[in-house]
C-alpha atoms as a PDB file:
ATOM      1  CA  UNK A   1     105.276 100.707  83.322  1.00  0.00           C
ATOM      2  CA  UNK A   2     105.462  97.952  80.757  1.00  0.00           C
ATOM      3  CA  UNK A   3     102.992  98.629  77.924  1.00  0.00           C
ATOM      4  CA  UNK A   4     101.152  95.294  78.290  1.00  0.00           C
ATOM      5  CA  UNK A   5     100.876  95.715  82.045  1.00  0.00           C
ATOM      6  CA  UNK A   6      99.493  99.243  81.629  1.00  0.00           C
ATOM      7  CA  UNK A   7      96.947  97.953  79.096  1.00  0.00           C
ATOM      8  CA  UNK A   8      95.897  95.185  81.517  1.00  0.00           C
ATOM      9  CA  UNK A   9      95.521  97.675  84.362  1.00  0.00           C
ATOM     10  CA  UNK A  10      93.523 100.119  82.231  1.00  0.00           C
ATOM     11  CA  UNK A  11      91.221  97.310  81.080  1.00  0.00           C
ATOM     12  CA  UNK A  12      90.691  95.350  84.285  1.00  0.00           C
ATOM     13  CA  UNK A  13      91.083  97.653  87.286  1.00  0.00           C
ATOM     14  CA  UNK A  14      88.028  99.846  86.606  1.00  0.00           C
ATOM     15  CA  UNK A  15      85.864  96.693  86.727  1.00  0.00           C
ATOM     16  CA  UNK A  16      87.162  95.522  90.113  1.00  0.00           C
ATOM     17  CA  UNK A  17      85.557  96.287  93.456  1.00  0.00           C
ATOM     18  CA  UNK A  18      87.311  98.299  96.141  1.00  0.00           C
ATOM     19  CA  UNK A  19      88.005  95.185  98.237  1.00  0.00           C
ATOM     20  CA  UNK A  20      89.761  93.546  95.281  1.00  0.00           C
ATOM     21  CA  UNK A  21      91.840  96.669  94.656  1.00  0.00           C
ATOM     22  CA  UNK A  22      92.902  96.895  98.318  1.00  0.00           C
ATOM     23  CA  UNK A  23      93.839  93.195  98.266  1.00  0.00           C
ATOM     24  CA  UNK A  24      95.912  93.789  95.128  1.00  0.00           C
ATOM     25  CA  UNK A  25      97.544  96.830  96.744  1.00  0.00           C
ATOM     26  CA  UNK A  26      98.426  94.745  99.806  1.00  0.00           C
ATOM     27  CA  UNK A  27      99.916  91.995  97.636  1.00  0.00           C
ATOM     28  CA  UNK A  28     102.011  94.485  95.670  1.00  0.00           C
ATOM     29  CA  UNK A  29     103.310  96.228  98.802  1.00  0.00           C
ATOM     30  CA  UNK A  30     104.050  92.882 100.432  1.00  0.00           C
ATOM     31  CA  UNK A  31     106.129  91.842  97.417  1.00  0.00           C
ATOM     32  CA  UNK A  32     107.943  95.192  97.281  1.00  0.00           C
ATOM     33  CA  UNK A  33     108.605  94.978 101.025  1.00  0.00           C
ATOM     34  CA  UNK A  34     110.093  91.523 100.579  1.00  0.00           C
ATOM     35  CA  UNK A  35     112.280  92.625  97.662  1.00  0.00           C
ATOM     36  CA  UNK A  36     113.471  95.873  99.249  1.00  0.00           C
ATOM     37  CA  UNK A  37     113.601  94.585 102.840  1.00  0.00           C
ATOM     38  CA  UNK A  38     111.543  97.627 103.847  1.00  0.00           C
ATOM     39  CA  UNK A  39     108.059  97.777 105.366  1.00  0.00           C
ATOM     40  CA  UNK A  40     105.776  99.919 103.211  1.00  0.00           C
ATOM     41  CA  UNK A  41     102.438 101.267 104.405  1.00  0.00           C
ATOM     42  CA  UNK A  42      99.460 103.050 102.912  1.00  0.00           C
ATOM     43  CA  UNK A  43      98.062 105.848 105.050  1.00  0.00           C
ATOM     44  CA  UNK A  44      95.320 108.380 104.582  1.00  0.00           C
ATOM     45  CA  UNK A  45      96.146 111.991 105.291  1.00  0.00           C
ATOM     46  CA  UNK A  46      94.431 113.672 108.240  1.00  0.00           C
ATOM     47  CA  UNK A  47      92.711 116.089 105.861  1.00  0.00           C
ATOM     48  CA  UNK A  48      91.348 113.324 103.612  1.00  0.00           C
ATOM     49  CA  UNK A  49      90.037 111.429 106.666  1.00  0.00           C
ATOM     50  CA  UNK A  50      88.384 114.572 107.959  1.00  0.00           C
ATOM     51  CA  UNK A  51      86.711 115.095 104.567  1.00  0.00           C
ATOM     52  CA  UNK A  52      85.594 111.457 104.381  1.00  0.00           C
ATOM     53  CA  UNK A  53      84.161 111.491 107.918  1.00  0.00           C
ATOM     54  CA  UNK A  54      82.298 114.680 107.075  1.00  0.00           C
ATOM     55  CA  UNK A  55      80.931 113.065 103.902  1.00  0.00           C
ATOM     56  CA  UNK A  56      79.800 110.027 105.905  1.00  0.00           C
ATOM     57  CA  UNK A  57      78.493 112.251 108.725  1.00  0.00           C
ATOM     58  CA  UNK A  58      80.711 110.525 111.262  1.00  0.00           C
ATOM     59  CA  UNK A  59      81.493 112.625 114.294  1.00  0.00           C
ATOM     60  CA  UNK A  60      79.280 115.492 113.158  1.00  0.00           C
ATOM     61  CA  UNK A  61      76.475 114.964 115.657  1.00  0.00           C
ATOM     62  CA  UNK A  62      76.835 115.165 119.397  1.00  0.00           C
ATOM     63  CA  UNK A  63      75.709 112.260 121.503  1.00  0.00           C
ATOM     64  CA  UNK A  64      73.188 113.110 124.212  1.00  0.00           C
ATOM     65  CA  UNK A  65      74.659 113.430 127.664  1.00  0.00           C
ATOM     66  CA  UNK A  66      73.266 110.969 130.204  1.00  0.00           C
ATOM     67  CA  UNK A  67      72.176 112.466 133.486  1.00  0.00           C
ATOM     68  CA  UNK A  68      71.441 110.711 136.732  1.00  0.00           C
ATOM     69  CA  UNK A  69      67.744 110.347 137.523  1.00  0.00           C
END
């Protein structure tokens, strides 16, 4: 990476919110896709999603089963 670009990234990216970083990622991949004539995607691995859901306690509790009265 160009030295000035690396310095900019090191200085500015830690101060940006996650939404801003995802927007920047999308813009970069869109530009690379245009240049390379290839569609790039970002995907989370199954294992990382499983870990994140566990951390957020999503899918770890069972919903009560409704019974007819």
